[in-house]
Amino acid sequence: MSFALCPLLNHGAVELLQAHGSPAQKQLYLGKLVSGEWTGTMNLTEPQAGSDLGALRTRAVPANDTRWGGHYRITGQKIFITYGDHDLAPNIIHMVLARTPDAPPGTKGISLFLVPKFLPDDDGAPGPRNDIRTLSLEHKLGIHASPTCVLAYGEDQGAIGFRIGDENRGLECMFTMMNNARLNIGTQGLAIAERAYQQACEFARNRVQGHPLGAAR
């Protein structure tokens, strides 16, 4: 299950981009996510916010330079990011919730951004490293094979991110990925429970214990 969490998140990232990504974003990222060449993550929770996404503080400020087109500089910290960093793929595509400077408070002021670990070059290959740093690995019970990370965005000049969907509609877009993950996690839970039941039945049928009824002692 720990390993399966990586492609599970790819399913959600693919569905999110299909539903809300721009044509340019789909062309650049979708094929590599579908093939599994690149992997995707979901960045929601922050240390001070927990499950209260309305309290998140990660900021996204429109950038003035034109090197990467219409992009933002992302600063903040995210926690509990499943497969937030690893060496299984040459690039990791983070889906990050953040606030723009004039965003209203609460969940109504959240936007969604695509933030790659390595910024793709003109040919779509991983280029320069983005301003994202892994601070630590979380200690989550039972899934030690899954790198669940604390990620820091923008410790230098700000991580470069690209908005997905309309400004202040990010949580609505992210629910596409969240609901995909919920359904797949439910499927995983059912599959693990069924496999455990099968193994328990097999063990009970074959375990030798006690004496047969009527046998001499």
Protein backbone atom coordinates (compact mmCIF):
# COMPACT_ATOMS: atom_id res chain seq x y z
CA MET A 1 0.00 0.00 0.00
CA SER A 2 2.84 2.38 0.81
CA PHE A 3 4.24 2.08 -2.71
CA ALA A 4 0.76 2.26 -4.28
CA LEU A 5 0.21 5.73 -2.80
CA CYS A 6 2.55 7.17 -5.43
CA PRO A 7 0.57 6.14 -8.54
CA LEU A 8 -2.65 6.79 -6.60
CA LEU A 9 -1.75 10.47 -6.35
CA ASN A 10 -0.88 10.50 -10.04
CA HIS A 11 -4.47 9.46 -10.81
CA GLY A 12 -5.73 12.49 -8.90
CA ALA A 13 -3.25 14.89 -10.48
CA VAL A 14 -4.22 13.66 -13.95
CA GLU A 15 -7.93 14.09 -13.26
CA LEU A 16 -7.33 17.56 -11.81
CA LEU A 17 -5.38 18.72 -14.86
CA GLN A 18 -7.90 17.20 -17.25
CA ALA A 19 -10.73 19.08 -15.53
CA HIS A 20 -9.10 22.43 -14.72
CA GLY A 21 -5.71 22.78 -16.45
CA SER A 22 -5.02 25.15 -19.33
CA PRO A 23 -4.24 23.71 -22.79
CA ALA A 24 -0.55 24.59 -22.28
CA GLN A 25 -0.46 22.88 -18.87
CA LYS A 26 -2.10 19.76 -20.25
CA GLN A 27 0.33 19.61 -23.16
CA LEU A 28 3.40 20.02 -20.95
CA TYR A 29 2.51 17.90 -17.90
CA LEU A 30 -0.38 15.55 -18.60
CA GLY A 31 1.41 13.00 -20.80
CA LYS A 32 4.28 12.50 -18.35
CA LEU A 33 1.89 12.15 -15.40
CA VAL A 34 -0.27 9.63 -17.26
CA SER A 35 2.77 7.55 -18.22
CA GLY A 36 4.17 7.69 -14.68
CA GLU A 37 7.40 9.26 -15.90
CA TRP A 38 6.65 12.17 -13.54
CA THR A 39 4.72 11.93 -10.27
CA GLY A 40 2.23 14.28 -8.65
CA THR A 41 1.45 15.41 -5.09
CA MET A 42 -1.33 17.19 -3.22
CA ASN A 43 -0.25 20.08 -0.95
CA LEU A 44 -3.00 21.13 1.46
CA THR A 45 -2.09 21.08 5.14
CA GLU A 46 0.13 23.56 7.00
CA PRO A 47 1.59 23.42 10.54
CA GLN A 48 -0.75 26.07 11.98
CA ALA A 49 -3.84 25.03 10.02
CA GLY A 50 -4.24 21.26 10.31
CA SER A 51 -7.46 20.26 8.57
CA ASP A 52 -8.74 23.87 8.65
CA LEU A 53 -7.75 24.90 5.12
CA GLY A 54 -9.28 28.33 5.62
CA ALA A 55 -6.34 29.08 7.94
CA LEU A 56 -3.57 28.37 5.42
CA ARG A 57 -0.93 31.10 4.96
CA THR A 58 1.12 30.01 1.94
CA ARG A 59 1.35 33.02 -0.38
CA ALA A 60 1.45 33.32 -4.15
CA VAL A 61 2.59 36.69 -5.51
CA PRO A 62 2.43 37.46 -9.25
CA ALA A 63 5.96 37.70 -10.68
CA ASN A 64 7.19 40.59 -12.80
CA ASP A 65 9.81 38.74 -14.86
CA THR A 66 8.72 37.08 -18.10
CA ARG A 67 11.09 34.08 -18.22
CA TRP A 68 8.38 31.58 -17.31
CA GLY A 69 5.34 33.41 -18.62
CA GLY A 70 2.44 34.26 -16.30
CA HIS A 71 3.69 32.76 -13.07
CA TYR A 72 3.68 33.37 -9.33
CA ARG A 73 6.28 33.18 -6.56
CA ILE A 74 5.16 30.75 -3.86
CA THR A 75 6.30 31.02 -0.22
CA GLY A 76 5.18 28.93 2.73
CA GLN A 77 5.36 25.51 4.34
CA LYS A 78 3.30 22.36 3.76
CA ILE A 79 3.16 19.24 5.92
CA PHE A 80 2.05 15.61 5.46
CA ILE A 81 2.86 15.65 1.73
CA THR A 82 2.70 12.03 0.55
CA TYR A 83 5.58 11.23 -1.82
CA GLY A 84 6.62 14.89 -1.51
CA ASP A 85 10.20 14.03 -2.45
CA HIS A 86 11.87 10.90 -3.78
CA ASP A 87 14.22 9.57 -6.47
CA LEU A 88 11.71 7.36 -8.28
CA ALA A 89 11.05 9.93 -11.01
CA PRO A 90 13.05 12.76 -12.63
CA ASN A 91 10.39 15.33 -11.71
CA ILE A 92 7.62 15.82 -9.14
CA ILE A 93 4.62 18.03 -9.90
CA HIS A 94 3.16 19.61 -6.75
CA MET A 95 -0.46 20.82 -6.64
CA VAL A 96 -0.33 23.60 -4.04
CA LEU A 97 -3.04 25.66 -2.35
CA ALA A 98 -2.01 29.26 -1.62
CA ARG A 99 -3.35 32.80 -1.27
CA THR A 100 -2.79 35.70 -3.65
CA PRO A 101 -2.10 39.14 -2.09
CA ASP A 102 -5.66 40.50 -2.26
CA ALA A 103 -7.46 37.23 -1.56
CA PRO A 104 -10.45 37.30 0.82
CA PRO A 105 -10.10 35.44 4.12
CA GLY A 106 -11.09 31.83 4.67
CA THR A 107 -11.62 29.17 2.05
CA LYS A 108 -13.03 31.72 -0.43
CA GLY A 109 -9.54 33.20 -0.85
CA ILE A 110 -7.65 30.05 -1.85
CA SER A 111 -6.11 29.55 -5.29
CA LEU A 112 -4.45 26.48 -6.78
CA PHE A 113 -0.96 26.37 -8.29
CA LEU A 114 1.12 23.84 -10.19
CA VAL A 115 4.68 23.92 -8.79
CA PRO A 116 7.20 21.51 -10.40
CA LYS A 117 10.27 20.33 -8.50
CA PHE A 118 12.30 20.98 -11.66
CA LEU A 119 11.12 23.64 -14.09
CA PRO A 120 10.67 22.11 -17.59
CA ASP A 121 12.81 23.57 -20.35
CA ASP A 122 11.61 24.43 -23.86
CA ASP A 123 11.66 20.73 -24.79
CA GLY A 124 9.68 19.67 -21.71
CA ALA A 125 12.66 18.06 -19.98
CA PRO A 126 13.40 18.82 -16.30
CA GLY A 127 15.47 22.01 -16.15
CA PRO A 128 16.59 24.15 -13.18
CA ARG A 129 15.64 23.18 -9.62
CA ASN A 130 12.69 25.12 -8.25
CA ASP A 131 12.85 26.83 -4.86
CA ILE A 132 11.40 23.86 -2.94
CA ARG A 133 13.22 22.16 -0.06
CA THR A 134 12.38 19.03 1.92
CA LEU A 135 12.72 19.86 5.61
CA SER A 136 11.99 16.43 7.09
CA LEU A 137 10.12 13.15 6.78
CA GLU A 138 6.95 12.68 8.81
CA HIS A 139 6.65 9.62 11.08
CA LYS A 140 3.31 8.17 10.01
CA LEU A 141 2.31 4.87 11.59
CA GLY A 142 2.20 1.90 9.24
CA ILE A 143 3.39 3.43 5.97
CA HIS A 144 7.13 3.76 6.46
CA ALA A 145 7.78 2.94 2.79
CA SER A 146 5.97 6.13 1.79
CA PRO A 147 8.05 9.35 1.99
CA THR A 148 5.65 11.75 3.68
CA CYS A 149 7.40 15.12 3.72
CA VAL A 150 7.47 18.58 5.22
CA LEU A 151 8.12 20.94 2.28
CA ALA A 152 9.33 24.54 2.39
CA TYR A 153 8.51 26.77 -0.57
CA GLY A 154 10.39 29.96 -1.35
CA GLU A 155 13.31 30.03 1.08
CA ASP A 156 15.33 31.83 -1.61
CA GLN A 157 13.40 33.96 -4.12
CA GLY A 158 10.13 32.06 -4.08
CA ALA A 159 9.13 28.86 -5.82
CA ILE A 160 7.79 29.37 -9.33
CA GLY A 161 4.19 28.23 -9.67
CA PHE A 162 1.48 28.43 -12.31
CA ARG A 163 -2.15 29.05 -11.40
CA ILE A 164 -4.66 26.33 -12.26
CA GLY A 165 -8.19 27.58 -12.81
CA ASP A 166 -9.57 30.92 -11.68
CA GLU A 167 -8.14 32.95 -8.82
CA ASN A 168 -9.82 32.22 -5.46
CA ARG A 169 -11.41 29.04 -6.87
CA GLY A 170 -8.51 26.78 -5.95
CA LEU A 171 -10.23 24.70 -3.29
CA GLU A 172 -13.02 23.90 -5.72
CA CYS A 173 -10.44 22.69 -8.27
CA MET A 174 -8.48 20.76 -5.65
CA PHE A 175 -11.60 18.84 -4.62
CA THR A 176 -11.31 17.00 -7.94
CA MET A 177 -8.01 15.53 -6.76
CA MET A 178 -9.14 15.15 -3.14
CA ASN A 179 -12.24 13.16 -4.05
CA ASN A 180 -10.25 10.97 -6.44
CA ALA A 181 -7.83 10.20 -3.59
CA ARG A 182 -10.68 9.46 -1.18
CA LEU A 183 -12.25 6.95 -3.55
CA ASN A 184 -8.94 5.23 -4.24
CA ILE A 185 -7.97 5.13 -0.55
CA GLY A 186 -11.35 3.52 0.15
CA THR A 187 -10.60 0.93 -2.53
CA GLN A 188 -7.21 0.27 -0.96
CA GLY A 189 -8.79 -0.20 2.46
CA LEU A 190 -11.35 -2.64 1.08
CA ALA A 191 -8.65 -4.58 -0.79
CA ILE A 192 -6.38 -4.83 2.26
CA ALA A 193 -9.27 -5.95 4.49
CA GLU A 194 -10.32 -8.59 1.94
CA ARG A 195 -6.76 -9.90 1.59
CA ALA A 196 -6.37 -10.05 5.38
CA TYR A 197 -9.63 -12.01 5.61
CA GLN A 198 -8.48 -14.46 2.94
CA GLN A 199 -5.18 -15.05 4.73
CA ALA A 200 -6.92 -15.47 8.11
CA CYS A 201 -9.32 -18.05 6.66
CA GLU A 202 -6.48 -19.96 5.05
CA PHE A 203 -4.53 -19.97 8.30
CA ALA A 204 -7.57 -21.17 10.29
CA ARG A 205 -8.25 -24.00 7.84
CA ASN A 206 -4.69 -25.32 7.84
CA ARG A 207 -3.51 -24.76 11.38
CA VAL A 208 -3.09 -28.03 13.29
CA GLN A 209 -4.24 -27.72 16.89
CA GLY A 210 -5.76 -29.99 19.55
CA HIS A 211 -7.00 -33.58 18.94
CA PRO A 212 -9.65 -34.79 16.50
CA LEU A 213 -12.99 -35.49 18.12
CA GLY A 214 -13.16 -39.09 19.28
CA ALA A 215 -9.42 -39.70 18.99
CA ALA A 216 -7.67 -41.49 21.82
CA ARG A 217 -5.43 -39.33 23.97
